[in-house]
Amino acid sequence: SRPGGISALTDQQFGAGIMWVPGSITYSIVFIACIYLWFRDEDRAAQSFTGRPVELAAK
C-alpha cells in the first residue's frame, strides 16, 4: 500500500504541480512588472506632450 493511498502517477502529477506553480508565479510577477513599467512610461510620454512642434534647427 502506498502512503496516502494514491497511485504513483497521481503522486508524480501532484509533485509536478508543486514545482510548476512557484515558477509560474515568478514569471508572472516579472511579466506584470514589465507591463506596468511600459504603461507608466507611455503615460509619462503622453503627459509631457505639449502639442507644439519641437525646433530642431539652431537659430
PDB file of N, CA and C in Angstrom:
ATOM      1  N   SER A   1       0.840  -1.186   0.000  1.00  0.00           N
ATOM      2  CA  SER A   1       0.000   0.000   0.000  1.00  0.00           C
ATOM      3  C   SER A   1       0.883   1.247   0.000  1.00  0.00           C
ATOM      4  N   ARG A   2       0.529   2.202  -0.838  1.00  0.00           N
ATOM      5  CA  ARG A   2       1.304   3.445  -0.941  1.00  0.00           C
ATOM      6  C   ARG A   2       0.850   4.421   0.142  1.00  0.00           C
ATOM      7  N   PRO A   3       1.767   5.289   0.568  1.00  0.00           N
ATOM      8  CA  PRO A   3       1.381   6.308   1.556  1.00  0.00           C
ATOM      9  C   PRO A   3       0.308   7.236   0.988  1.00  0.00           C
ATOM     10  N   GLY A   4      -0.711   7.480   1.754  1.00  0.00           N
ATOM     11  CA  GLY A   4      -1.788   8.358   1.321  1.00  0.00           C
ATOM     12  C   GLY A   4      -2.785   7.692   0.397  1.00  0.00           C
ATOM     13  N   GLY A   5      -2.503   6.478  -0.035  1.00  0.00           N
ATOM     14  CA  GLY A   5      -3.424   5.741  -0.889  1.00  0.00           C
ATOM     15  C   GLY A   5      -3.534   6.274  -2.310  1.00  0.00           C
ATOM     16  N   ILE A   6      -2.511   6.975  -2.802  1.00  0.00           N
ATOM     17  CA  ILE A   6      -2.561   7.493  -4.171  1.00  0.00           C
ATOM     18  C   ILE A   6      -1.612   6.692  -5.052  1.00  0.00           C
ATOM     19  N   SER A   7      -1.876   6.713  -6.348  1.00  0.00           N
ATOM     20  CA  SER A   7      -1.036   5.962  -7.277  1.00  0.00           C
ATOM     21  C   SER A   7       0.261   6.718  -7.545  1.00  0.00           C
ATOM     22  N   ALA A   8       1.213   6.009  -8.157  1.00  0.00           N
ATOM     23  CA  ALA A   8       2.495   6.634  -8.486  1.00  0.00           C
ATOM     24  C   ALA A   8       2.298   7.765  -9.495  1.00  0.00           C
ATOM     25  N   LEU A   9       1.390   7.583 -10.449  1.00  0.00           N
ATOM     26  CA  LEU A   9       1.127   8.620 -11.450  1.00  0.00           C
ATOM     27  C   LEU A   9       0.529   9.871 -10.798  1.00  0.00           C
ATOM     28  N   THR A  10      -0.413   9.679  -9.901  1.00  0.00           N
ATOM     29  CA  THR A  10      -1.013  10.815  -9.200  1.00  0.00           C
ATOM     30  C   THR A  10       0.029  11.534  -8.361  1.00  0.00           C
ATOM     31  N   ASP A  11       0.907  10.782  -7.729  1.00  0.00           N
ATOM     32  CA  ASP A  11       1.973  11.379  -6.926  1.00  0.00           C
ATOM     33  C   ASP A  11       2.895  12.230  -7.802  1.00  0.00           C
ATOM     34  N   GLN A  12       3.243  11.725  -8.984  1.00  0.00           N
ATOM     35  CA  GLN A  12       4.104  12.485  -9.890  1.00  0.00           C
ATOM     36  C   GLN A  12       3.398  13.736 -10.408  1.00  0.00           C
ATOM     37  N   GLN A  13       2.125  13.625 -10.716  1.00  0.00           N
ATOM     38  CA  GLN A  13       1.376  14.785 -11.196  1.00  0.00           C
ATOM     39  C   GLN A  13       1.256  15.849 -10.102  1.00  0.00           C
ATOM     40  N   PHE A  14       1.037  15.426  -8.894  1.00  0.00           N
ATOM     41  CA  PHE A  14       0.953  16.353  -7.769  1.00  0.00           C
ATOM     42  C   PHE A  14       2.296  17.049  -7.551  1.00  0.00           C
ATOM     43  N   GLY A  15       3.383  16.281  -7.620  1.00  0.00           N
ATOM     44  CA  GLY A  15       4.722  16.861  -7.476  1.00  0.00           C
ATOM     45  C   GLY A  15       5.042  17.850  -8.584  1.00  0.00           C
ATOM     46  N   ALA A  16       4.627  17.546  -9.800  1.00  0.00           N
ATOM     47  CA  ALA A  16       4.852  18.468 -10.917  1.00  0.00           C
ATOM     48  C   ALA A  16       4.090  19.766 -10.702  1.00  0.00           C
ATOM     49  N   GLY A  17       2.890  19.671 -10.193  1.00  0.00           N
ATOM     50  CA  GLY A  17       2.110  20.876  -9.897  1.00  0.00           C
ATOM     51  C   GLY A  17       2.761  21.724  -8.830  1.00  0.00           C
ATOM     52  N   ILE A  18       3.315  21.072  -7.819  1.00  0.00           N
ATOM     53  CA  ILE A  18       4.004  21.799  -6.750  1.00  0.00           C
ATOM     54  C   ILE A  18       5.212  22.540  -7.310  1.00  0.00           C
ATOM     55  N   MET A  19       5.923  21.944  -8.252  1.00  0.00           N
ATOM     56  CA  MET A  19       7.097  22.606  -8.836  1.00  0.00           C
ATOM     57  C   MET A  19       6.686  23.656  -9.865  1.00  0.00           C
ATOM     58  N   TRP A  20       5.593  23.449 -10.585  1.00  0.00           N
ATOM     59  CA  TRP A  20       5.195  24.339 -11.673  1.00  0.00           C
ATOM     60  C   TRP A  20       4.624  25.658 -11.155  1.00  0.00           C
ATOM     61  N   VAL A  21       3.835  25.618 -10.104  1.00  0.00           N
ATOM     62  CA  VAL A  21       3.155  26.819  -9.609  1.00  0.00           C
ATOM     63  C   VAL A  21       4.136  27.897  -9.148  1.00  0.00           C
ATOM     64  N   PRO A  22       5.126  27.609  -8.293  1.00  0.00           N
ATOM     65  CA  PRO A  22       6.040  28.688  -7.885  1.00  0.00           C
ATOM     66  C   PRO A  22       6.822  29.289  -9.052  1.00  0.00           C
ATOM     67  N   GLY A  23       7.215  28.475 -10.009  1.00  0.00           N
ATOM     68  CA  GLY A  23       7.918  29.002 -11.176  1.00  0.00           C
ATOM     69  C   GLY A  23       7.034  29.920 -11.999  1.00  0.00           C
ATOM     70  N   SER A  24       5.775  29.565 -12.139  1.00  0.00           N
ATOM     71  CA  SER A  24       4.835  30.397 -12.887  1.00  0.00           C
ATOM     72  C   SER A  24       4.574  31.710 -12.170  1.00  0.00           C
ATOM     73  N   ILE A  25       4.519  31.671 -10.858  1.00  0.00           N
ATOM     74  CA  ILE A  25       4.300  32.900 -10.092  1.00  0.00           C
ATOM     75  C   ILE A  25       5.456  33.861 -10.311  1.00  0.00           C
ATOM     76  N   THR A  26       6.670  33.352 -10.303  1.00  0.00           N
ATOM     77  CA  THR A  26       7.844  34.199 -10.510  1.00  0.00           C
ATOM     78  C   THR A  26       7.792  34.868 -11.874  1.00  0.00           C
ATOM     79  N   TYR A  27       7.537  34.106 -12.921  1.00  0.00           N
ATOM     80  CA  TYR A  27       7.456  34.678 -14.267  1.00  0.00           C
ATOM     81  C   TYR A  27       6.284  35.650 -14.386  1.00  0.00           C
ATOM     82  N   SER A  28       5.179  35.347 -13.729  1.00  0.00           N
ATOM     83  CA  SER A  28       4.019  36.237 -13.784  1.00  0.00           C
ATOM     84  C   SER A  28       4.321  37.582 -13.139  1.00  0.00           C
ATOM     85  N   ILE A  29       5.019  37.578 -12.008  1.00  0.00           N
ATOM     86  CA  ILE A  29       5.374  38.827 -11.333  1.00  0.00           C
ATOM     87  C   ILE A  29       6.283  39.667 -12.217  1.00  0.00           C
ATOM     88  N   VAL A  30       7.275  39.041 -12.825  1.00  0.00           N
ATOM     89  CA  VAL A  30       8.189  39.770 -13.716  1.00  0.00           C
ATOM     90  C   VAL A  30       7.425  40.314 -14.921  1.00  0.00           C
ATOM     91  N   PHE A  31       6.540  39.523 -15.508  1.00  0.00           N
ATOM     92  CA  PHE A  31       5.755  39.958 -16.663  1.00  0.00           C
ATOM     93  C   PHE A  31       4.867  41.148 -16.306  1.00  0.00           C
ATOM     94  N   ILE A  32       4.194  41.072 -15.172  1.00  0.00           N
ATOM     95  CA  ILE A  32       3.320  42.166 -14.740  1.00  0.00           C
ATOM     96  C   ILE A  32       4.129  43.426 -14.464  1.00  0.00           C
ATOM     97  N   ALA A  33       5.312  43.283 -13.855  1.00  0.00           N
ATOM     98  CA  ALA A  33       6.166  44.445 -13.592  1.00  0.00           C
ATOM     99  C   ALA A  33       6.616  45.097 -14.893  1.00  0.00           C
ATOM    100  N   CYS A  34       6.977  44.304 -15.884  1.00  0.00           N
ATOM    101  CA  CYS A  34       7.391  44.857 -17.184  1.00  0.00           C
ATOM    102  C   CYS A  34       6.248  45.603 -17.854  1.00  0.00           C
ATOM    103  N   ILE A  35       5.062  45.030 -17.834  1.00  0.00           N
ATOM    104  CA  ILE A  35       3.898  45.688 -18.430  1.00  0.00           C
ATOM    105  C   ILE A  35       3.593  46.987 -17.689  1.00  0.00           C
ATOM    106  N   TYR A  36       3.671  46.966 -16.357  1.00  0.00           N
ATOM    107  CA  TYR A  36       3.424  48.173 -15.561  1.00  0.00           C
ATOM    108  C   TYR A  36       4.414  49.276 -15.922  1.00  0.00           C
ATOM    109  N   LEU A  37       5.698  48.941 -15.999  1.00  0.00           N
ATOM    110  CA  LEU A  37       6.709  49.943 -16.336  1.00  0.00           C
ATOM    111  C   LEU A  37       6.506  50.477 -17.749  1.00  0.00           C
ATOM    112  N   TRP A  38       6.126  49.613 -18.655  1.00  0.00           N
ATOM    113  CA  TRP A  38       5.891  50.027 -20.034  1.00  0.00           C
ATOM    114  C   TRP A  38       4.745  51.040 -20.103  1.00  0.00           C
ATOM    115  N   PHE A  39       3.619  50.724 -19.454  1.00  0.00           N
ATOM    116  CA  PHE A  39       2.481  51.638 -19.477  1.00  0.00           C
ATOM    117  C   PHE A  39       2.767  52.918 -18.704  1.00  0.00           C
ATOM    118  N   ARG A  40       3.541  52.832 -17.642  1.00  0.00           N
ATOM    119  CA  ARG A  40       3.898  54.031 -16.887  1.00  0.00           C
ATOM    120  C   ARG A  40       4.708  54.974 -17.765  1.00  0.00           C
ATOM    121  N   ASP A  41       5.663  54.435 -18.519  1.00  0.00           N
ATOM    122  CA  ASP A  41       6.471  55.261 -19.415  1.00  0.00           C
ATOM    123  C   ASP A  41       5.617  55.853 -20.533  1.00  0.00           C
ATOM    124  N   GLU A  42       4.674  55.077 -21.066  1.00  0.00           N
ATOM    125  CA  GLU A  42       3.776  55.585 -22.103  1.00  0.00           C
ATOM    126  C   GLU A  42       2.923  56.724 -21.553  1.00  0.00           C
ATOM    127  N   ASP A  43       2.468  56.589 -20.313  1.00  0.00           N
ATOM    128  CA  ASP A  43       1.647  57.626 -19.696  1.00  0.00           C
ATOM    129  C   ASP A  43       2.458  58.899 -19.484  1.00  0.00           C
ATOM    130  N   ARG A  44       3.688  58.760 -19.040  1.00  0.00           N
ATOM    131  CA  ARG A  44       4.552  59.932 -18.860  1.00  0.00           C
ATOM    132  C   ARG A  44       4.820  60.627 -20.188  1.00  0.00           C
ATOM    133  N   ALA A  45       5.040  59.853 -21.230  1.00  0.00           N
ATOM    134  CA  ALA A  45       5.289  60.440 -22.547  1.00  0.00           C
ATOM    135  C   ALA A  45       4.052  61.191 -23.030  1.00  0.00           C
ATOM    136  N   ALA A  46       2.882  60.651 -22.781  1.00  0.00           N
ATOM    137  CA  ALA A  46       1.648  61.309 -23.200  1.00  0.00           C
ATOM    138  C   ALA A  46       1.417  62.589 -22.406  1.00  0.00           C
ATOM    139  N   GLN A  47       1.756  62.599 -21.124  1.00  0.00           N
ATOM    140  CA  GLN A  47       1.569  63.780 -20.296  1.00  0.00           C
ATOM    141  C   GLN A  47       2.550  64.884 -20.650  1.00  0.00           C
ATOM    142  N   SER A  48       3.734  64.522 -21.114  1.00  0.00           N
ATOM    143  CA  SER A  48       4.739  65.530 -21.422  1.00  0.00           C
ATOM    144  C   SER A  48       4.553  66.117 -22.816  1.00  0.00           C
ATOM    145  N   PHE A  49       3.652  65.569 -23.612  1.00  0.00           N
ATOM    146  CA  PHE A  49       3.413  66.074 -24.960  1.00  0.00           C
ATOM    147  C   PHE A  49       2.642  67.386 -24.870  1.00  0.00           C
ATOM    148  N   THR A  50       3.202  68.441 -25.435  1.00  0.00           N
ATOM    149  CA  THR A  50       2.569  69.760 -25.352  1.00  0.00           C
ATOM    150  C   THR A  50       1.771  70.111 -26.594  1.00  0.00           C
ATOM    151  N   GLY A  51       1.999  69.416 -27.674  1.00  0.00           N
ATOM    152  CA  GLY A  51       1.291  69.712 -28.898  1.00  0.00           C
ATOM    153  C   GLY A  51       1.991  70.741 -29.763  1.00  0.00           C
ATOM    154  N   ARG A  52       3.069  71.309 -29.284  1.00  0.00           N
ATOM    155  CA  ARG A  52       3.831  72.288 -30.064  1.00  0.00           C
ATOM    156  C   ARG A  52       4.970  71.583 -30.782  1.00  0.00           C
ATOM    157  N   PRO A  53       5.290  72.008 -32.004  1.00  0.00           N
ATOM    158  CA  PRO A  53       6.409  71.383 -32.709  1.00  0.00           C
ATOM    159  C   PRO A  53       7.738  71.693 -32.029  1.00  0.00           C
ATOM    160  N   VAL A  54       8.620  70.751 -32.084  1.00  0.00           N
ATOM    161  CA  VAL A  54       9.946  70.916 -31.491  1.00  0.00           C
ATOM    162  C   VAL A  54      10.864  71.540 -32.532  1.00  0.00           C
ATOM    163  N   GLU A  55      11.593  72.575 -32.143  1.00  0.00           N
ATOM    164  CA  GLU A  55      12.538  73.208 -33.059  1.00  0.00           C
ATOM    165  C   GLU A  55      13.819  72.394 -33.069  1.00  0.00           C
ATOM    166  N   LEU A  56      14.175  71.894 -34.240  1.00  0.00           N
ATOM    167  CA  LEU A  56      15.362  71.064 -34.352  1.00  0.00           C
ATOM    168  C   LEU A  56      16.576  71.864 -34.808  1.00  0.00           C
ATOM    169  N   ALA A  57      16.361  72.923 -35.547  1.00  0.00           N
ATOM    170  CA  ALA A  57      17.479  73.716 -36.067  1.00  0.00           C
ATOM    171  C   ALA A  57      17.815  74.836 -35.089  1.00  0.00           C
ATOM    172  N   ALA A  58      19.097  75.043 -34.883  1.00  0.00           N
ATOM    173  CA  ALA A  58      19.533  76.139 -34.014  1.00  0.00           C
ATOM    174  C   ALA A  58      19.390  77.455 -34.764  1.00  0.00           C
ATOM    175  N   LYS A  59      19.012  78.499 -34.065  1.00  0.00           N
ATOM    176  CA  LYS A  59      18.838  79.809 -34.705  1.00  0.00           C
ATOM    177  C   LYS A  59      20.115  80.593 -34.722  1.00  0.00           C
TER     178      LYS A  59
END
